[in-house]
């Protein structure tokens, strides 16, 4: 998630101060990715250092206001125009967990899959309920319609994501069952050689 580009997008609408940016960012995304004020001001400092924002006076309450510069606008346009890079996928904790669970002697990977599936299905149900509320807010209109639409899009992405995760978990379970069924059985250890029986001819010669 690019916090810097999110703040630039909010500043494009006009001057903002730090805690205002945090509130608007969380409102736009439904607090899916909460920020703290420290993150906001650290990011603003870096943007100011890079010439993408500048401090532009204060509001009536004495808050220092930040404005986007021409360089910041160019950076924001470039961000919107470029597709999100998928050549280096973000680390996915669930994928790593299942990869590490394969063959681990201390865990039954089927239990891991079933536990995660229950959690994923519940999350999907929660997101679907929130989507219905967001959709009702959008259809009702109002002064915060833009934030409601943004939150609706985020929720739909989360729903698609959890649906895909549930399908992938089903696939993992089926794959493990098929591999288990086709795995070669462990060969029996070779039998110990039988003791040699003395040859009758050689015994007579020895006498």
N, C-alpha and C. Protein backbone atom coordinates (compact mmCIF):
# COMPACT_ATOMS: atom_id res chain seq x y z
N UNK A 1 0.84 -1.19 0.00
CA UNK A 1 0.00 0.00 0.00
C UNK A 1 0.88 1.24 0.00
N UNK A 2 0.59 2.20 -0.88
CA UNK A 2 1.38 3.41 -0.97
C UNK A 2 0.71 4.53 -0.19
N UNK A 3 1.20 4.76 1.02
CA UNK A 3 0.63 5.84 1.83
C UNK A 3 0.95 7.19 1.19
N UNK A 4 2.17 7.33 0.68
CA UNK A 4 2.57 8.61 0.11
C UNK A 4 1.66 9.02 -1.04
N UNK A 5 1.31 8.06 -1.91
CA UNK A 5 0.45 8.39 -3.04
C UNK A 5 -0.98 8.65 -2.58
N UNK A 6 -1.41 7.93 -1.55
CA UNK A 6 -2.73 8.20 -1.00
C UNK A 6 -2.83 9.61 -0.45
N UNK A 7 -1.79 10.06 0.25
CA UNK A 7 -1.80 11.43 0.79
C UNK A 7 -1.74 12.47 -0.32
N UNK A 8 -0.96 12.17 -1.37
CA UNK A 8 -0.91 13.09 -2.49
C UNK A 8 -2.28 13.23 -3.15
N UNK A 9 -3.00 12.11 -3.26
CA UNK A 9 -4.33 12.14 -3.88
C UNK A 9 -5.29 13.00 -3.06
N UNK A 10 -5.19 12.93 -1.74
CA UNK A 10 -6.04 13.75 -0.89
C UNK A 10 -5.64 15.22 -0.96
N UNK A 11 -4.35 15.48 -1.04
CA UNK A 11 -3.88 16.87 -1.11
C UNK A 11 -4.23 17.51 -2.45
N UNK A 12 -4.46 16.70 -3.47
CA UNK A 12 -4.85 17.27 -4.76
C UNK A 12 -6.17 18.03 -4.64
N UNK A 13 -6.99 17.63 -3.66
CA UNK A 13 -8.29 18.28 -3.47
C UNK A 13 -8.18 19.60 -2.71
N UNK A 14 -7.00 19.90 -2.19
CA UNK A 14 -6.81 21.16 -1.48
C UNK A 14 -5.93 20.97 -0.27
N UNK A 15 -5.49 22.07 0.37
CA UNK A 15 -4.60 21.99 1.54
C UNK A 15 -5.24 21.19 2.67
N UNK A 16 -4.41 20.43 3.36
CA UNK A 16 -4.86 19.60 4.48
C UNK A 16 -3.77 19.61 5.55
N UNK A 17 -4.15 19.36 6.81
CA UNK A 17 -3.16 19.15 7.86
C UNK A 17 -3.11 17.67 8.19
N UNK A 18 -2.13 17.29 9.01
CA UNK A 18 -1.82 15.87 9.21
C UNK A 18 -2.97 15.01 9.69
N UNK A 19 -3.58 15.37 10.82
CA UNK A 19 -4.64 14.52 11.36
C UNK A 19 -5.87 14.53 10.45
N UNK A 20 -6.06 15.61 9.71
CA UNK A 20 -7.16 15.66 8.74
C UNK A 20 -6.91 14.66 7.62
N UNK A 21 -5.68 14.57 7.16
CA UNK A 21 -5.33 13.60 6.13
C UNK A 21 -5.55 12.17 6.62
N UNK A 22 -5.17 11.91 7.88
CA UNK A 22 -5.38 10.57 8.42
C UNK A 22 -6.87 10.24 8.45
N UNK A 23 -7.69 11.18 8.92
CA UNK A 23 -9.13 10.94 9.00
C UNK A 23 -9.73 10.68 7.63
N UNK A 24 -9.34 11.48 6.64
CA UNK A 24 -9.89 11.32 5.30
C UNK A 24 -9.40 10.04 4.65
N UNK A 25 -8.15 9.66 4.88
CA UNK A 25 -7.61 8.42 4.33
C UNK A 25 -8.39 7.23 4.87
N UNK A 26 -8.62 7.21 6.18
CA UNK A 26 -9.34 6.09 6.79
C UNK A 26 -10.81 6.10 6.38
N UNK A 27 -11.39 7.29 6.22
CA UNK A 27 -12.78 7.36 5.78
C UNK A 27 -12.91 6.82 4.37
N UNK A 28 -11.95 7.16 3.51
CA UNK A 28 -12.01 6.73 2.11
C UNK A 28 -11.85 5.21 2.00
N UNK A 29 -11.06 4.61 2.88
CA UNK A 29 -10.80 3.17 2.80
C UNK A 29 -11.54 2.38 3.87
N UNK A 30 -12.44 3.02 4.61
CA UNK A 30 -13.19 2.31 5.63
C UNK A 30 -12.34 1.78 6.76
N UNK A 31 -11.23 2.45 7.05
CA UNK A 31 -10.30 2.04 8.12
C UNK A 31 -9.74 0.65 7.90
N UNK A 32 -9.75 0.19 6.64
CA UNK A 32 -9.16 -1.12 6.34
C UNK A 32 -7.66 -1.11 6.59
N UNK A 33 -7.01 0.01 6.29
CA UNK A 33 -5.58 0.16 6.54
C UNK A 33 -5.38 1.38 7.44
N UNK A 34 -5.59 1.22 8.75
CA UNK A 34 -5.51 2.37 9.66
C UNK A 34 -4.11 2.98 9.70
N UNK A 35 -4.07 4.28 9.84
CA UNK A 35 -2.82 5.01 9.96
C UNK A 35 -2.76 5.67 11.32
N UNK A 36 -1.55 5.92 11.79
CA UNK A 36 -1.43 6.77 12.97
C UNK A 36 -0.84 8.11 12.53
N UNK A 37 -1.01 9.10 13.36
CA UNK A 37 -0.57 10.45 12.99
C UNK A 37 0.93 10.48 12.72
N UNK A 38 1.68 9.67 13.46
CA UNK A 38 3.12 9.64 13.25
C UNK A 38 3.47 9.20 11.83
N UNK A 39 2.78 8.18 11.31
CA UNK A 39 3.01 7.74 9.93
C UNK A 39 2.73 8.86 8.94
N UNK A 40 1.64 9.57 9.20
CA UNK A 40 1.23 10.63 8.28
C UNK A 40 2.30 11.72 8.24
N UNK A 41 2.73 12.18 9.42
CA UNK A 41 3.69 13.29 9.43
C UNK A 41 5.07 12.85 8.95
N UNK A 42 5.44 11.61 9.20
CA UNK A 42 6.71 11.11 8.66
C UNK A 42 6.66 11.08 7.14
N UNK A 43 5.54 10.63 6.59
CA UNK A 43 5.40 10.59 5.14
C UNK A 43 5.37 12.00 4.55
N UNK A 44 4.67 12.91 5.22
CA UNK A 44 4.64 14.30 4.75
C UNK A 44 6.04 14.92 4.75
N UNK A 45 6.82 14.61 5.76
CA UNK A 45 8.19 15.15 5.82
C UNK A 45 9.02 14.65 4.64
N UNK A 46 8.85 13.38 4.30
CA UNK A 46 9.60 12.83 3.16
C UNK A 46 9.11 13.43 1.85
N UNK A 47 7.80 13.61 1.73
CA UNK A 47 7.26 14.24 0.53
C UNK A 47 7.75 15.68 0.39
N UNK A 48 7.84 16.38 1.53
CA UNK A 48 8.34 17.75 1.52
C UNK A 48 9.81 17.76 1.13
N UNK A 49 10.57 16.83 1.67
CA UNK A 49 11.99 16.72 1.32
C UNK A 49 12.18 16.47 -0.17
N UNK A 50 11.27 15.65 -0.76
CA UNK A 50 11.36 15.32 -2.18
C UNK A 50 10.72 16.36 -3.09
N UNK A 51 10.22 17.44 -2.48
CA UNK A 51 9.66 18.53 -3.27
C UNK A 51 8.27 18.26 -3.81
N UNK A 52 7.56 17.30 -3.23
CA UNK A 52 6.22 16.95 -3.73
C UNK A 52 5.10 17.63 -2.96
N UNK A 53 5.39 18.08 -1.73
CA UNK A 53 4.43 18.88 -0.98
C UNK A 53 5.18 20.04 -0.34
N UNK A 54 4.43 21.03 0.06
CA UNK A 54 5.03 22.19 0.74
C UNK A 54 4.06 22.65 1.81
N UNK A 55 4.61 23.20 2.87
CA UNK A 55 3.75 23.78 3.89
C UNK A 55 3.25 25.13 3.41
N UNK A 56 1.93 25.32 3.57
CA UNK A 56 1.33 26.53 3.03
C UNK A 56 0.47 27.26 4.02
N UNK A 57 1.04 27.72 5.13
CA UNK A 57 0.29 28.49 6.10
C UNK A 57 -0.44 27.62 7.11
N UNK A 58 -1.43 28.22 7.77
CA UNK A 58 -2.18 27.54 8.83
C UNK A 58 -3.67 27.78 8.65
N UNK A 59 -4.45 26.87 9.25
CA UNK A 59 -5.89 27.10 9.23
C UNK A 59 -6.27 27.94 10.45
N UNK A 60 -7.57 28.17 10.66
CA UNK A 60 -8.02 29.02 11.74
C UNK A 60 -7.65 28.48 13.12
N UNK A 61 -7.48 27.14 13.20
CA UNK A 61 -7.14 26.54 14.49
C UNK A 61 -5.63 26.46 14.71
N UNK A 62 -4.85 26.94 13.75
CA UNK A 62 -3.40 26.94 13.90
C UNK A 62 -2.72 25.68 13.39
N UNK A 63 -3.44 24.82 12.68
CA UNK A 63 -2.83 23.61 12.12
C UNK A 63 -1.99 23.96 10.90
N UNK A 64 -0.79 23.40 10.82
CA UNK A 64 0.05 23.62 9.65
C UNK A 64 -0.54 22.89 8.45
N UNK A 65 -0.77 23.63 7.36
CA UNK A 65 -1.38 23.05 6.18
C UNK A 65 -0.32 22.65 5.15
N UNK A 66 -0.58 21.56 4.47
CA UNK A 66 0.29 21.08 3.42
C UNK A 66 -0.44 21.18 2.08
N UNK A 67 0.31 21.55 1.05
CA UNK A 67 -0.26 21.62 -0.30
C UNK A 67 0.61 20.78 -1.24
N UNK A 68 -0.01 20.29 -2.30
CA UNK A 68 0.72 19.49 -3.28
C UNK A 68 1.41 20.42 -4.28
N UNK A 69 2.62 20.08 -4.69
CA UNK A 69 3.38 20.89 -5.65
C UNK A 69 3.20 20.31 -7.06
N UNK A 70 3.77 21.00 -8.04
CA UNK A 70 3.71 20.49 -9.42
C UNK A 70 4.41 19.14 -9.52
N UNK A 71 5.52 18.97 -8.80
CA UNK A 71 6.22 17.68 -8.81
C UNK A 71 5.35 16.60 -8.18
N UNK A 72 4.61 16.98 -7.15
CA UNK A 72 3.71 16.02 -6.52
C UNK A 72 2.58 15.62 -7.44
N UNK A 73 2.04 16.58 -8.19
CA UNK A 73 0.99 16.28 -9.15
C UNK A 73 1.50 15.34 -10.24
N UNK A 74 2.72 15.58 -10.70
CA UNK A 74 3.30 14.71 -11.74
C UNK A 74 3.49 13.29 -11.20
N UNK A 75 3.95 13.19 -9.95
CA UNK A 75 4.13 11.87 -9.33
C UNK A 75 2.79 11.17 -9.19
N UNK A 76 1.76 11.90 -8.80
CA UNK A 76 0.43 11.31 -8.61
C UNK A 76 -0.13 10.82 -9.94
N UNK A 77 0.01 11.62 -11.00
CA UNK A 77 -0.48 11.20 -12.32
C UNK A 77 0.24 9.95 -12.78
N UNK A 78 1.55 9.89 -12.55
CA UNK A 78 2.33 8.72 -12.95
C UNK A 78 1.86 7.48 -12.19
N UNK A 79 1.54 7.65 -10.91
CA UNK A 79 1.07 6.52 -10.09
C UNK A 79 -0.27 6.01 -10.61
N UNK A 80 -1.17 6.91 -10.94
CA UNK A 80 -2.48 6.49 -11.46
C UNK A 80 -2.36 5.80 -12.81
N UNK A 81 -1.40 6.25 -13.64
CA UNK A 81 -1.28 5.72 -15.00
C UNK A 81 -0.61 4.35 -15.04
N UNK A 82 0.30 4.09 -14.11
CA UNK A 82 1.06 2.83 -14.15
C UNK A 82 0.27 1.71 -13.46
N UNK A 83 0.26 0.51 -14.07
CA UNK A 83 -0.38 -0.62 -13.38
C UNK A 83 0.42 -1.03 -12.16
N UNK A 84 -0.26 -1.65 -11.21
CA UNK A 84 0.43 -2.15 -10.01
C UNK A 84 1.34 -3.30 -10.42
N UNK A 85 2.59 -3.24 -10.01
CA UNK A 85 3.59 -4.23 -10.41
C UNK A 85 3.32 -5.56 -9.69
N UNK A 86 3.24 -6.65 -10.47
CA UNK A 86 3.04 -7.98 -9.91
C UNK A 86 4.25 -8.88 -10.10
N UNK A 87 5.37 -8.31 -10.59
CA UNK A 87 6.55 -9.15 -10.82
C UNK A 87 7.20 -9.58 -9.52
N UNK A 88 6.98 -8.83 -8.46
CA UNK A 88 7.50 -9.20 -7.13
C UNK A 88 6.32 -9.23 -6.17
N UNK A 89 5.57 -10.35 -6.13
CA UNK A 89 4.37 -10.41 -5.30
C UNK A 89 4.68 -10.16 -3.84
N UNK A 90 3.74 -9.51 -3.17
CA UNK A 90 3.90 -9.28 -1.74
C UNK A 90 3.85 -10.61 -1.00
N UNK A 91 4.57 -10.72 0.10
CA UNK A 91 4.55 -11.95 0.87
C UNK A 91 3.16 -12.20 1.43
N UNK A 92 2.67 -13.41 1.25
CA UNK A 92 1.35 -13.79 1.73
C UNK A 92 1.54 -14.77 2.88
N UNK A 93 1.11 -14.38 4.08
CA UNK A 93 1.36 -15.21 5.26
C UNK A 93 0.70 -16.58 5.14
N UNK A 94 -0.50 -16.63 4.58
CA UNK A 94 -1.19 -17.92 4.47
C UNK A 94 -0.45 -18.86 3.53
N UNK A 95 0.00 -18.36 2.38
CA UNK A 95 0.74 -19.20 1.45
C UNK A 95 2.03 -19.71 2.09
N UNK A 96 2.71 -18.84 2.82
CA UNK A 96 3.95 -19.26 3.50
C UNK A 96 3.63 -20.31 4.56
N UNK A 97 2.54 -20.11 5.31
CA UNK A 97 2.18 -21.07 6.36
C UNK A 97 1.92 -22.45 5.78
N UNK A 98 1.14 -22.52 4.70
CA UNK A 98 0.84 -23.83 4.11
C UNK A 98 2.08 -24.46 3.50
N UNK A 99 2.93 -23.63 2.89
CA UNK A 99 4.16 -24.16 2.31
C UNK A 99 5.04 -24.78 3.40
N UNK A 100 5.10 -24.14 4.56
CA UNK A 100 5.91 -24.66 5.66
C UNK A 100 5.25 -25.86 6.34
N UNK A 101 3.91 -25.93 6.25
CA UNK A 101 3.19 -27.04 6.90
C UNK A 101 3.32 -28.35 6.14
N UNK A 102 3.64 -28.26 4.83
CA UNK A 102 3.78 -29.48 4.03
C UNK A 102 4.93 -30.32 4.57
N UNK A 103 4.60 -31.49 5.04
CA UNK A 103 5.63 -32.40 5.55
C UNK A 103 6.12 -32.10 6.94
N UNK A 104 5.58 -31.05 7.59
CA UNK A 104 6.03 -30.74 8.95
C UNK A 104 5.53 -31.84 9.89
N UNK A 105 6.40 -32.42 10.69
CA UNK A 105 5.99 -33.55 11.54
C UNK A 105 5.06 -33.16 12.68
N UNK A 106 5.03 -31.87 13.04
CA UNK A 106 4.28 -31.46 14.23
C UNK A 106 2.89 -30.92 13.91
N UNK A 107 2.46 -30.98 12.65
CA UNK A 107 1.19 -30.35 12.29
C UNK A 107 0.48 -31.17 11.23
N UNK A 108 -0.84 -31.17 11.30
CA UNK A 108 -1.67 -31.79 10.26
C UNK A 108 -2.13 -30.64 9.35
N UNK A 109 -1.64 -30.61 8.13
CA UNK A 109 -1.95 -29.50 7.24
C UNK A 109 -3.44 -29.40 6.95
N UNK A 110 -4.16 -30.53 7.04
CA UNK A 110 -5.60 -30.48 6.81
C UNK A 110 -6.29 -29.66 7.90
N UNK A 111 -5.80 -29.76 9.12
CA UNK A 111 -6.37 -28.95 10.20
C UNK A 111 -6.10 -27.46 9.96
N UNK A 112 -4.91 -27.16 9.45
CA UNK A 112 -4.57 -25.76 9.15
C UNK A 112 -5.52 -25.21 8.09
N UNK A 113 -5.78 -26.00 7.05
CA UNK A 113 -6.66 -25.57 5.96
C UNK A 113 -8.08 -25.36 6.46
N UNK A 114 -8.58 -26.31 7.24
CA UNK A 114 -9.96 -26.22 7.72
C UNK A 114 -10.15 -25.02 8.65
N UNK A 115 -9.17 -24.79 9.52
CA UNK A 115 -9.25 -23.65 10.43
C UNK A 115 -9.27 -22.34 9.65
N UNK A 116 -8.39 -22.24 8.65
CA UNK A 116 -8.34 -21.02 7.86
C UNK A 116 -9.61 -20.84 7.04
N UNK A 117 -10.17 -21.94 6.53
CA UNK A 117 -11.39 -21.83 5.73
C UNK A 117 -12.53 -21.25 6.56
N UNK A 118 -12.66 -21.70 7.80
CA UNK A 118 -13.72 -21.16 8.67
C UNK A 118 -13.54 -19.66 8.86
N UNK A 119 -12.31 -19.25 9.09
CA UNK A 119 -12.03 -17.82 9.29
C UNK A 119 -12.32 -17.03 8.01
N UNK A 120 -11.91 -17.58 6.87
CA UNK A 120 -12.10 -16.89 5.59
C UNK A 120 -13.57 -16.73 5.27
N UNK A 121 -14.36 -17.77 5.49
CA UNK A 121 -15.79 -17.71 5.20
C UNK A 121 -16.47 -16.68 6.10
N UNK A 122 -16.08 -16.63 7.37
CA UNK A 122 -16.65 -15.64 8.27
C UNK A 122 -16.31 -14.23 7.82
N UNK A 123 -15.06 -14.02 7.41
CA UNK A 123 -14.65 -12.70 6.92
C UNK A 123 -15.45 -12.32 5.69
N UNK A 124 -15.68 -13.29 4.79
CA UNK A 124 -16.46 -13.02 3.60
C UNK A 124 -17.88 -12.59 3.96
N UNK A 125 -18.47 -13.25 4.94
CA UNK A 125 -19.82 -12.90 5.38
C UNK A 125 -19.85 -11.50 5.99
N UNK A 126 -18.83 -11.17 6.78
CA UNK A 126 -18.76 -9.83 7.38
C UNK A 126 -18.63 -8.76 6.30
N UNK A 127 -17.75 -9.00 5.31
CA UNK A 127 -17.56 -8.03 4.23
C UNK A 127 -18.85 -7.86 3.42
N UNK A 128 -19.56 -8.96 3.21
CA UNK A 128 -20.80 -8.90 2.43
C UNK A 128 -21.85 -8.07 3.17
N UNK A 129 -21.91 -8.22 4.48
CA UNK A 129 -22.85 -7.43 5.27
C UNK A 129 -22.48 -5.94 5.21
N UNK A 130 -21.19 -5.64 5.32
CA UNK A 130 -20.74 -4.25 5.24
C UNK A 130 -20.98 -3.67 3.84
N UNK A 131 -20.86 -4.53 2.82
CA UNK A 131 -21.12 -4.07 1.45
C UNK A 131 -22.58 -3.63 1.31
N UNK A 132 -23.48 -4.40 1.88
CA UNK A 132 -24.90 -4.04 1.80
C UNK A 132 -25.15 -2.68 2.45
N UNK A 133 -24.48 -2.42 3.57
CA UNK A 133 -24.64 -1.13 4.24
C UNK A 133 -24.04 -0.01 3.40
N UNK A 134 -22.85 -0.26 2.82
CA UNK A 134 -22.21 0.77 2.00
C UNK A 134 -23.03 1.06 0.75
N UNK A 135 -23.58 0.01 0.15
CA UNK A 135 -24.38 0.19 -1.04
C UNK A 135 -25.64 1.02 -0.74
N UNK A 136 -26.24 0.76 0.42
CA UNK A 136 -27.42 1.53 0.82
C UNK A 136 -27.05 3.00 1.01
N UNK A 137 -25.85 3.26 1.58
CA UNK A 137 -25.42 4.64 1.78
C UNK A 137 -25.17 5.34 0.45
N UNK A 138 -24.58 4.61 -0.50
CA UNK A 138 -24.32 5.20 -1.82
C UNK A 138 -25.64 5.53 -2.51
N UNK A 139 -26.58 4.61 -2.45
CA UNK A 139 -27.87 4.83 -3.12
C UNK A 139 -28.66 5.97 -2.46
N UNK A 140 -28.42 6.16 -1.15
CA UNK A 140 -29.11 7.25 -0.45
C UNK A 140 -28.49 8.60 -0.77
N UNK A 141 -27.22 8.61 -1.24
CA UNK A 141 -26.54 9.87 -1.56
C UNK A 141 -26.10 10.57 -0.29
N UNK A 142 -25.83 11.86 -0.38
CA UNK A 142 -25.41 12.62 0.79
C UNK A 142 -24.06 13.26 0.58
N UNK A 143 -23.63 14.03 1.57
CA UNK A 143 -22.40 14.81 1.44
C UNK A 143 -21.15 13.95 1.40
N UNK A 144 -21.22 12.70 1.92
CA UNK A 144 -20.03 11.85 1.96
C UNK A 144 -20.12 10.75 0.91
N UNK A 145 -20.84 10.99 -0.18
CA UNK A 145 -21.05 9.96 -1.18
C UNK A 145 -19.73 9.47 -1.77
N UNK A 146 -18.77 10.39 -1.98
CA UNK A 146 -17.50 9.98 -2.56
C UNK A 146 -16.80 8.95 -1.67
N UNK A 147 -16.77 9.20 -0.37
CA UNK A 147 -16.15 8.25 0.55
C UNK A 147 -16.92 6.93 0.57
N UNK A 148 -18.24 6.99 0.47
CA UNK A 148 -19.05 5.77 0.48
C UNK A 148 -18.75 4.92 -0.76
N UNK A 149 -18.60 5.57 -1.91
CA UNK A 149 -18.27 4.84 -3.14
C UNK A 149 -16.89 4.21 -3.02
N UNK A 150 -15.92 4.96 -2.50
CA UNK A 150 -14.57 4.42 -2.34
C UNK A 150 -14.58 3.22 -1.41
N UNK A 151 -15.29 3.30 -0.30
CA UNK A 151 -15.37 2.21 0.67
C UNK A 151 -16.07 1.01 0.04
N UNK A 152 -17.08 1.24 -0.79
CA UNK A 152 -17.76 0.15 -1.47
C UNK A 152 -16.80 -0.61 -2.38
N UNK A 153 -15.97 0.12 -3.12
CA UNK A 153 -15.00 -0.53 -4.01
C UNK A 153 -13.98 -1.34 -3.22
N UNK A 154 -13.53 -0.79 -2.09
CA UNK A 154 -12.58 -1.53 -1.25
C UNK A 154 -13.22 -2.80 -0.72
N UNK A 155 -14.47 -2.70 -0.26
CA UNK A 155 -15.16 -3.88 0.26
C UNK A 155 -15.32 -4.95 -0.81
N UNK A 156 -15.66 -4.54 -2.02
CA UNK A 156 -15.83 -5.53 -3.09
C UNK A 156 -14.51 -6.21 -3.42
N UNK A 157 -13.41 -5.46 -3.35
CA UNK A 157 -12.10 -6.09 -3.55
C UNK A 157 -11.82 -7.11 -2.46
N UNK A 158 -12.16 -6.79 -1.22
CA UNK A 158 -11.95 -7.73 -0.12
C UNK A 158 -12.82 -8.96 -0.26
N UNK A 159 -14.04 -8.79 -0.77
CA UNK A 159 -14.93 -9.94 -0.99
C UNK A 159 -14.35 -10.85 -2.06
N UNK A 160 -13.92 -10.26 -3.19
CA UNK A 160 -13.32 -11.07 -4.25
C UNK A 160 -12.08 -11.79 -3.74
N UNK A 161 -11.31 -11.10 -2.92
CA UNK A 161 -10.08 -11.68 -2.38
C UNK A 161 -10.37 -12.88 -1.48
N UNK A 162 -11.37 -12.74 -0.59
CA UNK A 162 -11.69 -13.86 0.30
C UNK A 162 -12.35 -15.00 -0.47
N UNK A 163 -13.14 -14.69 -1.49
CA UNK A 163 -13.71 -15.75 -2.31
C UNK A 163 -12.60 -16.55 -3.00
N UNK A 164 -11.62 -15.85 -3.54
CA UNK A 164 -10.50 -16.53 -4.19
C UNK A 164 -9.71 -17.35 -3.19
N UNK A 165 -9.54 -16.82 -1.97
CA UNK A 165 -8.80 -17.55 -0.95
C UNK A 165 -9.54 -18.83 -0.57
N UNK A 166 -10.87 -18.76 -0.45
CA UNK A 166 -11.64 -19.96 -0.11
C UNK A 166 -11.52 -21.00 -1.21
N UNK A 167 -11.57 -20.58 -2.47
CA UNK A 167 -11.42 -21.53 -3.58
C UNK A 167 -10.03 -22.15 -3.58
N UNK A 168 -9.01 -21.32 -3.27
CA UNK A 168 -7.64 -21.84 -3.24
C UNK A 168 -7.47 -22.86 -2.12
N UNK A 169 -8.09 -22.62 -0.97
CA UNK A 169 -8.00 -23.58 0.13
C UNK A 169 -8.67 -24.90 -0.26
N UNK A 170 -9.82 -24.82 -0.94
CA UNK A 170 -10.47 -26.04 -1.43
C UNK A 170 -9.54 -26.79 -2.39
N UNK A 171 -8.89 -26.03 -3.27
CA UNK A 171 -7.96 -26.64 -4.23
C UNK A 171 -6.79 -27.31 -3.51
N UNK A 172 -6.24 -26.63 -2.50
CA UNK A 172 -5.12 -27.20 -1.75
C UNK A 172 -5.52 -28.52 -1.12
N UNK A 173 -6.69 -28.56 -0.51
CA UNK A 173 -7.15 -29.79 0.13
C UNK A 173 -7.33 -30.90 -0.89
N UNK A 174 -7.94 -30.60 -2.04
CA UNK A 174 -8.12 -31.61 -3.09
C UNK A 174 -6.78 -32.09 -3.62
N UNK A 175 -5.86 -31.17 -3.80
CA UNK A 175 -4.54 -31.52 -4.30
C UNK A 175 -3.82 -32.47 -3.36
N UNK A 176 -3.89 -32.18 -2.08
CA UNK A 176 -3.22 -33.04 -1.10
C UNK A 176 -3.85 -34.43 -1.06
N UNK A 177 -5.17 -34.49 -1.21
CA UNK A 177 -5.85 -35.80 -1.21
C UNK A 177 -5.41 -36.61 -2.42
N UNK A 178 -5.35 -35.96 -3.59
CA UNK A 178 -4.94 -36.68 -4.81
C UNK A 178 -3.49 -37.16 -4.71
N UNK A 179 -2.63 -36.29 -4.21
CA UNK A 179 -1.22 -36.67 -4.07
C UNK A 179 -1.05 -37.81 -3.09
N UNK A 180 -1.85 -37.78 -2.01
CA UNK A 180 -1.77 -38.85 -1.03
C UNK A 180 -2.21 -40.18 -1.61
N UNK A 181 -3.26 -40.12 -2.49
CA UNK A 181 -3.79 -41.36 -3.07
C UNK A 181 -2.83 -41.96 -4.08
N UNK A 182 -2.05 -41.13 -4.76
CA UNK A 182 -1.16 -41.64 -5.80
C UNK A 182 0.27 -41.83 -5.33
N UNK A 183 0.53 -41.51 -4.07
CA UNK A 183 1.90 -41.65 -3.56
C UNK A 183 2.27 -43.12 -3.49
N UNK A 184 3.47 -43.49 -3.95
CA UNK A 184 3.87 -44.90 -3.88
C UNK A 184 4.00 -45.36 -2.44
N UNK A 185 3.59 -46.61 -2.21
CA UNK A 185 3.72 -47.15 -0.85
C UNK A 185 5.17 -47.38 -0.52
N UNK A 186 5.49 -47.31 0.74
CA UNK A 186 6.87 -47.50 1.18
C UNK A 186 7.29 -48.95 0.96
N UNK A 187 8.34 -49.21 0.20
CA UNK A 187 8.73 -50.60 -0.06
C UNK A 187 9.17 -51.30 1.21
N UNK A 188 8.86 -52.61 1.28
CA UNK A 188 9.26 -53.40 2.45
C UNK A 188 10.76 -53.58 2.44
N UNK A 189 11.38 -53.61 3.60
CA UNK A 189 12.83 -53.79 3.64
C UNK A 189 13.20 -55.17 3.09
N UNK A 190 14.36 -55.31 2.46
CA UNK A 190 14.76 -56.62 1.89
C UNK A 190 14.90 -57.67 2.98
N UNK A 191 14.49 -58.89 2.64
CA UNK A 191 14.58 -59.99 3.61
C UNK A 191 16.03 -60.36 3.86
N UNK A 192 16.30 -60.77 5.08
CA UNK A 192 17.66 -61.19 5.42
C UNK A 192 17.99 -62.47 4.67
N UNK A 193 19.21 -62.61 4.16
CA UNK A 193 19.57 -63.84 3.41
C UNK A 193 19.48 -65.07 4.31
N UNK A 194 19.02 -66.17 3.72
CA UNK A 194 18.92 -67.43 4.48
C UNK A 194 20.30 -67.98 4.76
N UNK A 195 20.48 -68.63 5.89
CA UNK A 195 21.81 -69.20 6.19
C UNK A 195 22.19 -70.28 5.17
N UNK A 196 23.46 -70.35 4.82
CA UNK A 196 23.94 -71.30 3.82
C UNK A 196 23.83 -72.73 4.35
N UNK A 197 23.38 -73.65 3.47
CA UNK A 197 23.28 -75.08 3.83
C UNK A 197 24.52 -75.79 3.31
N UNK A 198 25.27 -76.48 4.16
CA UNK A 198 26.51 -77.14 3.70
C UNK A 198 26.21 -78.14 2.59
N UNK A 199 27.07 -78.14 1.55
CA UNK A 199 26.92 -79.08 0.45
C UNK A 199 27.33 -80.47 0.91
N UNK A 200 26.56 -81.48 0.53
CA UNK A 200 26.84 -82.87 1.00
C UNK A 200 28.17 -83.36 0.48
N UNK A 201 28.53 -83.05 -0.76
CA UNK A 201 29.79 -83.52 -1.34
C UNK A 201 30.97 -82.96 -0.61
N UNK A 202 30.89 -81.65 -0.34
CA UNK A 202 32.04 -81.03 0.33
C UNK A 202 32.18 -81.53 1.74
N UNK A 203 31.02 -81.93 2.36
CA UNK A 203 31.10 -82.46 3.73
C UNK A 203 31.79 -83.81 3.74
N UNK A 204 31.50 -84.64 2.74
CA UNK A 204 32.11 -85.97 2.69
C UNK A 204 33.60 -85.84 2.43
N UNK A 205 33.99 -84.91 1.58
CA UNK A 205 35.41 -84.72 1.32
C UNK A 205 36.16 -84.27 2.54
N UNK A 206 35.49 -83.47 3.33
CA UNK A 206 36.16 -82.99 4.53
C UNK A 206 36.44 -84.10 5.49
N UNK A 207 35.62 -85.15 5.46
CA UNK A 207 35.87 -86.29 6.34
C UNK A 207 37.04 -87.08 5.85
